PDB file of N, CA and C in Angstrom:
ATOM      1  N   MET A   1      87.694  65.903 123.990  1.00  0.00           N
ATOM      2  CA  MET A   1      88.709  66.426 123.127  1.00  0.00           C
ATOM      3  C   MET A   1      89.579  65.310 122.547  1.00  0.00           C
ATOM      4  N   THR A   2      89.152  64.097 122.676  1.00  0.00           N
ATOM      5  CA  THR A   2      89.930  62.968 122.184  1.00  0.00           C
ATOM      6  C   THR A   2      89.944  62.890 120.664  1.00  0.00           C
ATOM      7  N   ASP A   3      88.963  63.490 119.991  1.00  0.00           N
ATOM      8  CA  ASP A   3      88.911  63.454 118.533  1.00  0.00           C
ATOM      9  C   ASP A   3      89.719  64.581 117.897  1.00  0.00           C
ATOM     10  N   PHE A   4      90.340  65.404 118.705  1.00  0.00           N
ATOM     11  CA  PHE A   4      91.098  66.552 118.220  1.00  0.00           C
ATOM     12  C   PHE A   4      92.290  66.066 117.390  1.00  0.00           C
ATOM     13  N   PRO A   5      92.424  66.511 116.141  1.00  0.00           N
ATOM     14  CA  PRO A   5      93.486  66.012 115.258  1.00  0.00           C
ATOM     15  C   PRO A   5      94.842  66.665 115.538  1.00  0.00           C
ATOM     16  N   HIS A   6      95.435  66.341 116.676  1.00  0.00           N
ATOM     17  CA  HIS A   6      96.699  66.957 117.075  1.00  0.00           C
ATOM     18  C   HIS A   6      97.791  66.797 116.027  1.00  0.00           C
ATOM     19  N   SER A   7      97.947  65.597 115.520  1.00  0.00           N
ATOM     20  CA  SER A   7      99.027  65.318 114.567  1.00  0.00           C
ATOM     21  C   SER A   7      98.866  66.128 113.290  1.00  0.00           C
ATOM     22  N   GLU A   8      97.643  66.213 112.798  1.00  0.00           N
ATOM     23  CA  GLU A   8      97.393  66.961 111.567  1.00  0.00           C
ATOM     24  C   GLU A   8      97.672  68.442 111.767  1.00  0.00           C
ATOM     25  N   ILE A   9      97.213  68.978 112.872  1.00  0.00           N
ATOM     26  CA  ILE A   9      97.436  70.399 113.155  1.00  0.00           C
ATOM     27  C   ILE A   9      98.919  70.676 113.334  1.00  0.00           C
ATOM     28  N   GLU A  10      99.600  69.826 114.091  1.00  0.00           N
ATOM     29  CA  GLU A  10     101.033  70.015 114.299  1.00  0.00           C
ATOM     30  C   GLU A  10     101.784  69.935 112.967  1.00  0.00           C
ATOM     31  N   SER A  11     101.390  69.019 112.112  1.00  0.00           N
ATOM     32  CA  SER A  11     102.026  68.890 110.805  1.00  0.00           C
ATOM     33  C   SER A  11     101.848  70.161 109.973  1.00  0.00           C
ATOM     34  N   LEU A  12     100.641  70.689 109.952  1.00  0.00           N
ATOM     35  CA  LEU A  12     100.378  71.928 109.210  1.00  0.00           C
ATOM     36  C   LEU A  12     101.183  73.095 109.778  1.00  0.00           C
ATOM     37  N   LEU A  13     101.266  73.165 111.100  1.00  0.00           N
ATOM     38  CA  LEU A  13     102.043  74.232 111.728  1.00  0.00           C
ATOM     39  C   LEU A  13     103.525  74.093 111.394  1.00  0.00           C
ATOM     40  N   ARG A  14     104.025  72.886 111.366  1.00  0.00           N
ATOM     41  CA  ARG A  14     105.445  72.667 111.027  1.00  0.00           C
ATOM     42  C   ARG A  14     105.741  73.045 109.572  1.00  0.00           C
ATOM     43  N   VAL A  15     104.801  72.762 108.672  1.00  0.00           N
ATOM     44  CA  VAL A  15     104.965  73.182 107.276  1.00  0.00           C
ATOM     45  C   VAL A  15     105.003  74.713 107.204  1.00  0.00           C
ATOM     46  N   ALA A  16     104.077  75.353 107.902  1.00  0.00           N
ATOM     47  CA  ALA A  16     104.055  76.821 107.920  1.00  0.00           C
ATOM     48  C   ALA A  16     105.352  77.367 108.503  1.00  0.00           C
ATOM     49  N   HIS A  17     105.827  76.754 109.583  1.00  0.00           N
ATOM     50  CA  HIS A  17     107.069  77.204 110.217  1.00  0.00           C
ATOM     51  C   HIS A  17     108.241  77.069 109.244  1.00  0.00           C
ATOM     52  N   GLY A  18     108.286  75.960 108.506  1.00  0.00           N
ATOM     53  CA  GLY A  18     109.347  75.766 107.518  1.00  0.00           C
ATOM     54  C   GLY A  18     109.341  76.848 106.457  1.00  0.00           C
ATOM     55  N   LYS A  19     108.165  77.211 106.001  1.00  0.00           N
ATOM     56  CA  LYS A  19     108.053  78.269 104.990  1.00  0.00           C
ATOM     57  C   LYS A  19     108.449  79.624 105.566  1.00  0.00           C
ATOM     58  N   LEU A  20     108.079  79.863 106.814  1.00  0.00           N
ATOM     59  CA  LEU A  20     108.426  81.136 107.446  1.00  0.00           C
ATOM     60  C   LEU A  20     109.922  81.273 107.670  1.00  0.00           C
ATOM     61  N   THR A  21     110.565  80.188 108.055  1.00  0.00           N
ATOM     62  CA  THR A  21     111.997  80.276 108.347  1.00  0.00           C
ATOM     63  C   THR A  21     112.835  80.417 107.085  1.00  0.00           C
ATOM     64  N   THR A  22     112.273  80.101 105.925  1.00  0.00           N
ATOM     65  CA  THR A  22     113.007  80.314 104.679  1.00  0.00           C
ATOM     66  C   THR A  22     112.782  81.717 104.135  1.00  0.00           C
ATOM     67  N   SER A  23     111.821  82.451 104.706  1.00  0.00           N
ATOM     68  CA  SER A  23     111.582  83.824 104.265  1.00  0.00           C
ATOM     69  C   SER A  23     112.400  84.773 105.139  1.00  0.00           C
ATOM     70  N   ARG A  24     112.162  86.047 104.991  1.00  0.00           N
ATOM     71  CA  ARG A  24     112.932  87.053 105.734  1.00  0.00           C
ATOM     72  C   ARG A  24     112.444  87.141 107.165  1.00  0.00           C
ATOM     73  N   ALA A  25     113.092  86.441 108.061  1.00  0.00           N
ATOM     74  CA  ALA A  25     112.706  86.453 109.472  1.00  0.00           C
ATOM     75  C   ALA A  25     113.338  87.611 110.223  1.00  0.00           C
ATOM     76  N   ASP A  26     114.119  88.446 109.518  1.00  0.00           N
ATOM     77  CA  ASP A  26     114.732  89.583 110.191  1.00  0.00           C
ATOM     78  C   ASP A  26     113.752  90.748 110.331  1.00  0.00           C
ATOM     79  N   GLU A  27     112.667  90.702 109.593  1.00  0.00           N
ATOM     80  CA  GLU A  27     111.642  91.733 109.733  1.00  0.00           C
ATOM     81  C   GLU A  27     110.817  91.441 110.983  1.00  0.00           C
ATOM     82  N   PRO A  28     110.435  92.469 111.738  1.00  0.00           N
ATOM     83  CA  PRO A  28     109.711  92.249 113.003  1.00  0.00           C
ATOM     84  C   PRO A  28     108.436  91.429 112.872  1.00  0.00           C
ATOM     85  N   LEU A  29     107.631  91.698 111.851  1.00  0.00           N
ATOM     86  CA  LEU A  29     106.379  90.952 111.721  1.00  0.00           C
ATOM     87  C   LEU A  29     106.635  89.502 111.333  1.00  0.00           C
ATOM     88  N   SER A  30     107.609  89.271 110.466  1.00  0.00           N
ATOM     89  CA  SER A  30     107.950  87.890 110.097  1.00  0.00           C
ATOM     90  C   SER A  30     108.466  87.124 111.300  1.00  0.00           C
ATOM     91  N   ALA A  31     109.318  87.772 112.076  1.00  0.00           N
ATOM     92  CA  ALA A  31     109.855  87.123 113.273  1.00  0.00           C
ATOM     93  C   ALA A  31     108.744  86.839 114.278  1.00  0.00           C
ATOM     94  N   ALA A  32     107.813  87.770 114.421  1.00  0.00           N
ATOM     95  CA  ALA A  32     106.705  87.575 115.360  1.00  0.00           C
ATOM     96  C   ALA A  32     105.799  86.434 114.916  1.00  0.00           C
ATOM     97  N   VAL A  33     105.504  86.382 113.628  1.00  0.00           N
ATOM     98  CA  VAL A  33     104.650  85.306 113.120  1.00  0.00           C
ATOM     99  C   VAL A  33     105.353  83.960 113.306  1.00  0.00           C
ATOM    100  N   THR A  34     106.656  83.930 113.057  1.00  0.00           N
ATOM    101  CA  THR A  34     107.419  82.695 113.271  1.00  0.00           C
ATOM    102  C   THR A  34     107.319  82.270 114.725  1.00  0.00           C
ATOM    103  N   ARG A  35     107.456  83.225 115.636  1.00  0.00           N
ATOM    104  CA  ARG A  35     107.365  82.912 117.066  1.00  0.00           C
ATOM    105  C   ARG A  35     105.957  82.446 117.435  1.00  0.00           C
ATOM    106  N   LEU A  36     104.946  83.057 116.847  1.00  0.00           N
ATOM    107  CA  LEU A  36     103.567  82.647 117.119  1.00  0.00           C
ATOM    108  C   LEU A  36     103.341  81.195 116.678  1.00  0.00           C
ATOM    109  N   VAL A  37     103.873  80.837 115.522  1.00  0.00           N
ATOM    110  CA  VAL A  37     103.722  79.458 115.040  1.00  0.00           C
ATOM    111  C   VAL A  37     104.477  78.502 115.956  1.00  0.00           C
ATOM    112  N   GLU A  38     105.668  78.891 116.405  1.00  0.00           N
ATOM    113  CA  GLU A  38     106.418  78.052 117.339  1.00  0.00           C
ATOM    114  C   GLU A  38     105.621  77.827 118.629  1.00  0.00           C
ATOM    115  N   CYS A  39     105.008  78.883 119.134  1.00  0.00           N
ATOM    116  CA  CYS A  39     104.180  78.756 120.342  1.00  0.00           C
ATOM    117  C   CYS A  39     102.986  77.842 120.089  1.00  0.00           C
ATOM    118  N   ALA A  40     102.391  77.961 118.913  1.00  0.00           N
ATOM    119  CA  ALA A  40     101.245  77.102 118.585  1.00  0.00           C
ATOM    120  C   ALA A  40     101.670  75.640 118.498  1.00  0.00           C
ATOM    121  N   ILE A  41     102.842  75.371 117.943  1.00  0.00           N
ATOM    122  CA  ILE A  41     103.345  73.993 117.874  1.00  0.00           C
ATOM    123  C   ILE A  41     103.509  73.431 119.283  1.00  0.00           C
ATOM    124  N   GLU A  42     104.111  74.215 120.163  1.00  0.00           N
ATOM    125  CA  GLU A  42     104.279  73.771 121.547  1.00  0.00           C
ATOM    126  C   GLU A  42     102.929  73.556 122.224  1.00  0.00           C
ATOM    127  N   ALA A  43     101.987  74.440 121.949  1.00  0.00           N
ATOM    128  CA  ALA A  43     100.663  74.339 122.565  1.00  0.00           C
ATOM    129  C   ALA A  43      99.942  73.069 122.126  1.00  0.00           C
ATOM    130  N   VAL A  44     100.058  72.722 120.848  1.00  0.00           N
ATOM    131  CA  VAL A  44      99.419  71.498 120.361  1.00  0.00           C
ATOM    132  C   VAL A  44     100.016  70.288 121.068  1.00  0.00           C
ATOM    133  N   GLY A  45     101.312  70.296 121.269  1.00  0.00           N
ATOM    134  CA  GLY A  45     101.953  69.209 121.997  1.00  0.00           C
ATOM    135  C   GLY A  45     101.456  69.103 123.423  1.00  0.00           C
ATOM    136  N   ILE A  46     101.236  70.240 124.051  1.00  0.00           N
ATOM    137  CA  ILE A  46     100.747  70.262 125.430  1.00  0.00           C
ATOM    138  C   ILE A  46      99.304  69.768 125.507  1.00  0.00           C
ATOM    139  N   LEU A  47      98.507  70.070 124.488  1.00  0.00           N
ATOM    140  CA  LEU A  47      97.103  69.645 124.489  1.00  0.00           C
ATOM    141  C   LEU A  47      96.955  68.130 124.530  1.00  0.00           C
ATOM    142  N   ARG A  48      97.981  67.430 124.113  1.00  0.00           N
ATOM    143  CA  ARG A  48      97.930  65.966 124.149  1.00  0.00           C
ATOM    144  C   ARG A  48      97.937  65.434 125.576  1.00  0.00           C
ATOM    145  N   GLU A  49      98.440  66.219 126.515  1.00  0.00           N
ATOM    146  CA  GLU A  49      98.555  65.796 127.911  1.00  0.00           C
ATOM    147  C   GLU A  49      97.853  66.803 128.828  1.00  0.00           C
ATOM    148  N   PRO A  50      96.530  66.838 128.802  1.00  0.00           N
ATOM    149  CA  PRO A  50      95.819  67.834 129.599  1.00  0.00           C
ATOM    150  C   PRO A  50      95.920  67.566 131.104  1.00  0.00           C
ATOM    151  N   ASP A  51      96.567  68.454 131.812  1.00  0.00           N
ATOM    152  CA  ASP A  51      96.606  68.445 133.270  1.00  0.00           C
ATOM    153  C   ASP A  51      96.948  69.861 133.730  1.00  0.00           C
ATOM    154  N   SER A  52      97.031  70.074 135.016  1.00  0.00           N
ATOM    155  CA  SER A  52      97.257  71.434 135.511  1.00  0.00           C
ATOM    156  C   SER A  52      98.616  71.975 135.106  1.00  0.00           C
ATOM    157  N   ARG A  53      99.642  71.114 135.078  1.00  0.00           N
ATOM    158  CA  ARG A  53     100.967  71.572 134.660  1.00  0.00           C
ATOM    159  C   ARG A  53     100.941  72.010 133.201  1.00  0.00           C
ATOM    160  N   SER A  54     100.226  71.261 132.383  1.00  0.00           N
ATOM    161  CA  SER A  54     100.099  71.603 130.972  1.00  0.00           C
ATOM    162  C   SER A  54      99.400  72.944 130.790  1.00  0.00           C
ATOM    163  N   ALA A  55      98.395  73.190 131.609  1.00  0.00           N
ATOM    164  CA  ALA A  55      97.678  74.469 131.525  1.00  0.00           C
ATOM    165  C   ALA A  55      98.609  75.628 131.843  1.00  0.00           C
ATOM    166  N   VAL A  56      99.466  75.462 132.841  1.00  0.00           N
ATOM    167  CA  VAL A  56     100.420  76.513 133.195  1.00  0.00           C
ATOM    168  C   VAL A  56     101.399  76.739 132.041  1.00  0.00           C
ATOM    169  N   GLU A  57     101.875  75.653 131.425  1.00  0.00           N
ATOM    170  CA  GLU A  57     102.772  75.778 130.275  1.00  0.00           C
ATOM    171  C   GLU A  57     102.071  76.479 129.116  1.00  0.00           C
ATOM    172  N   MET A  58     100.808  76.132 128.899  1.00  0.00           N
ATOM    173  CA  MET A  58     100.039  76.742 127.820  1.00  0.00           C
ATOM    174  C   MET A  58      99.937  78.249 128.018  1.00  0.00           C
ATOM    175  N   ILE A  59      99.698  78.667 129.247  1.00  0.00           N
ATOM    176  CA  ILE A  59      99.625  80.100 129.540  1.00  0.00           C
ATOM    177  C   ILE A  59     100.970  80.760 129.237  1.00  0.00           C
ATOM    178  N   GLY A  60     102.061  80.090 129.565  1.00  0.00           N
ATOM    179  CA  GLY A  60     103.390  80.623 129.272  1.00  0.00           C
ATOM    180  C   GLY A  60     103.606  80.825 127.780  1.00  0.00           C
ATOM    181  N   TYR A  61     103.189  79.854 126.966  1.00  0.00           N
ATOM    182  CA  TYR A  61     103.337  80.001 125.522  1.00  0.00           C
ATOM    183  C   TYR A  61     102.418  81.090 124.973  1.00  0.00           C
ATOM    184  N   ALA A  62     101.250  81.218 125.538  1.00  0.00           N
ATOM    185  CA  ALA A  62     100.350  82.290 125.107  1.00  0.00           C
ATOM    186  C   ALA A  62     100.963  83.648 125.426  1.00  0.00           C
ATOM    187  N   ARG A  63     101.556  83.779 126.600  1.00  0.00           N
ATOM    188  CA  ARG A  63     102.227  85.038 126.965  1.00  0.00           C
ATOM    189  C   ARG A  63     103.378  85.339 126.013  1.00  0.00           C
ATOM    190  N   ALA A  64     104.155  84.313 125.681  1.00  0.00           N
ATOM    191  CA  ALA A  64     105.276  84.508 124.755  1.00  0.00           C
ATOM    192  C   ALA A  64     104.773  84.967 123.386  1.00  0.00           C
ATOM    193  N   ALA A  65     103.672  84.388 122.939  1.00  0.00           N
ATOM    194  CA  ALA A  65     103.104  84.775 121.651  1.00  0.00           C
ATOM    195  C   ALA A  65     102.633  86.223 121.676  1.00  0.00           C
ATOM    196  N   VAL A  66     101.976  86.608 122.742  1.00  0.00           N
ATOM    197  CA  VAL A  66     101.498  87.993 122.865  1.00  0.00           C
ATOM    198  C   VAL A  66     102.675  88.955 122.926  1.00  0.00           C
ATOM    199  N   THR A  67     103.714  88.586 123.657  1.00  0.00           N
ATOM    200  CA  THR A  67     104.899  89.435 123.752  1.00  0.00           C
ATOM    201  C   THR A  67     105.543  89.628 122.383  1.00  0.00           C
ATOM    202  N   ALA A  68     105.671  88.554 121.626  1.00  0.00           N
ATOM    203  CA  ALA A  68     106.266  88.644 120.287  1.00  0.00           C
ATOM    204  C   ALA A  68     105.430  89.535 119.377  1.00  0.00           C
ATOM    205  N   ALA A  69     104.131  89.347 119.413  1.00  0.00           N
ATOM    206  CA  ALA A  69     103.248  90.154 118.563  1.00  0.00           C
ATOM    207  C   ALA A  69     103.276  91.625 118.972  1.00  0.00           C
ATOM    208  N   THR A  70     103.269  91.887 120.266  1.00  0.00           N
ATOM    209  CA  THR A  70     103.311  93.271 120.754  1.00  0.00           C
ATOM    210  C   THR A  70     104.601  93.951 120.330  1.00  0.00           C
ATOM    211  N   TYR A  71     105.733  93.257 120.497  1.00  0.00           N
ATOM    212  CA  TYR A  71     107.017  93.825 120.092  1.00  0.00           C
ATOM    213  C   TYR A  71     107.016  94.153 118.603  1.00  0.00           C
ATOM    214  N   ALA A  72     106.548  93.212 117.792  1.00  0.00           N
ATOM    215  CA  ALA A  72     106.552  93.423 116.347  1.00  0.00           C
ATOM    216  C   ALA A  72     105.699  94.614 115.953  1.00  0.00           C
ATOM    217  N   LEU A  73     104.526  94.707 116.524  1.00  0.00           N
ATOM    218  CA  LEU A  73     103.652  95.837 116.183  1.00  0.00           C
ATOM    219  C   LEU A  73     104.256  97.163 116.620  1.00  0.00           C
ATOM    220  N   ARG A  74     104.863  97.195 117.793  1.00  0.00           N
ATOM    221  CA  ARG A  74     105.518  98.427 118.249  1.00  0.00           C
ATOM    222  C   ARG A  74     106.682  98.801 117.342  1.00  0.00           C
ATOM    223  N   GLU A  75     107.450  97.808 116.941  1.00  0.00           N
ATOM    224  CA  GLU A  75     108.593  98.054 116.060  1.00  0.00           C
ATOM    225  C   GLU A  75     108.135  98.589 114.710  1.00  0.00           C
ATOM    226  N   VAL A  76     107.121  97.961 114.138  1.00  0.00           N
ATOM    227  CA  VAL A  76     106.605  98.404 112.837  1.00  0.00           C
ATOM    228  C   VAL A  76     106.001  99.792 112.967  1.00  0.00           C
ATOM    229  N   ASP A  77     105.248 100.026 114.023  1.00  0.00           N
ATOM    230  CA  ASP A  77     104.656 101.348 114.245  1.00  0.00           C
ATOM    231  C   ASP A  77     105.748 102.401 114.404  1.00  0.00           C
ATOM    232  N   GLY A  78     106.794 102.065 115.156  1.00  0.00           N
ATOM    233  CA  GLY A  78     107.904 102.998 115.345  1.00  0.00           C
ATOM    234  C   GLY A  78     108.598 103.323 114.036  1.00  0.00           C
ATOM    235  N   ARG A  79     108.818 102.316 113.210  1.00  0.00           N
ATOM    236  CA  ARG A  79     109.435 102.553 111.897  1.00  0.00           C
ATOM    237  C   ARG A  79     108.563 103.460 111.051  1.00  0.00           C
ATOM    238  N   ASP A  80     107.261 103.174 111.047  1.00  0.00           N
ATOM    239  CA  ASP A  80     106.327 103.979 110.264  1.00  0.00           C
ATOM    240  C   ASP A  80     106.342 105.428 110.728  1.00  0.00           C
ATOM    241  N   ARG A  81     106.340 105.632 112.027  1.00  0.00           N
ATOM    242  CA  ARG A  81     106.371 107.004 112.554  1.00  0.00           C
ATOM    243  C   ARG A  81     107.665 107.713 112.182  1.00  0.00           C
ATOM    244  N   ARG A  82     108.802 106.990 112.250  1.00  0.00           N
ATOM    245  CA  ARG A  82     110.081 107.602 111.888  1.00  0.00           C
ATOM    246  C   ARG A  82     110.094 107.993 110.412  1.00  0.00           C
ATOM    247  N   VAL A  83     109.571 107.122 109.556  1.00  0.00           N
ATOM    248  CA  VAL A  83     109.521 107.414 108.121  1.00  0.00           C
ATOM    249  C   VAL A  83     108.652 108.645 107.871  1.00  0.00           C
ATOM    250  N   ARG A  84     107.477 108.673 108.488  1.00  0.00           N
ATOM    251  CA  ARG A  84     106.595 109.836 108.302  1.00  0.00           C
ATOM    252  C   ARG A  84     107.234 111.104 108.835  1.00  0.00           C
ATOM    253  N   TRP A  85     107.944 111.027 109.960  1.00  0.00           N
ATOM    254  CA  TRP A  85     108.605 112.196 110.553  1.00  0.00           C
ATOM    255  C   TRP A  85     109.693 112.713 109.616  1.00  0.00           C
ATOM    256  N   HIS A  86     110.487 111.807 109.059  1.00  0.00           N
ATOM    257  CA  HIS A  86     111.554 112.229 108.140  1.00  0.00           C
ATOM    258  C   HIS A  86     110.981 112.824 106.866  1.00  0.00           C
ATOM    259  N   ARG A  87     109.913 112.270 106.366  1.00  0.00           N
ATOM    260  CA  ARG A  87     109.261 112.825 105.173  1.00  0.00           C
ATOM    261  C   ARG A  87     108.722 114.222 105.465  1.00  0.00           C
ATOM    262  N   LYS A  88     108.172 114.390 106.642  1.00  0.00           N
ATOM    263  CA  LYS A  88     107.639 115.693 107.021  1.00  0.00           C
ATOM    264  C   LYS A  88     108.766 116.714 107.104  1.00  0.00           C
ATOM    265  N   LEU A  89     109.901 116.330 107.700  1.00  0.00           N
ATOM    266  CA  LEU A  89     111.049 117.233 107.800  1.00  0.00           C
ATOM    267  C   LEU A  89     111.605 117.579 106.423  1.00  0.00           C
ATOM    268  N   GLU A  90     111.633 116.611 105.525  1.00  0.00           N
ATOM    269  CA  GLU A  90     112.154 116.848 104.185  1.00  0.00           C
ATOM    270  C   GLU A  90     111.254 117.782 103.377  1.00  0.00           C
ATOM    271  N   SER A  91     109.981 117.775 103.658  1.00  0.00           N
ATOM    272  CA  SER A  91     109.049 118.620 102.898  1.00  0.00           C
ATOM    273  C   SER A  91     109.033 120.053 103.393  1.00  0.00           C
ATOM    274  N   VAL A  92     109.666 120.307 104.525  1.00  0.00           N
ATOM    275  CA  VAL A  92     109.676 121.679 105.092  1.00  0.00           C
ATOM    276  C   VAL A  92     110.777 122.487 104.510  1.00  0.00           C
TER     277      VAL A  92
END
């Protein structure tokens, strides 16, 4: 894994993060994607130092990414259900 372009990947992730933070991060999906990119940036940094401690940290960032994505999807799904419920009530 010595040929892995850590710097290039980290640079691309930082550019993406910059673009995300200038957009509407108050929306659940935007916030989740921002968090996923942050976790990926941390993960790339950890990949530079492969050892058992790094693996444990990597798992922690993966869990954080999954948690952020799960929350965002639940929030968006909940909003969608509320909108559909209100529309249904209004049509009655």
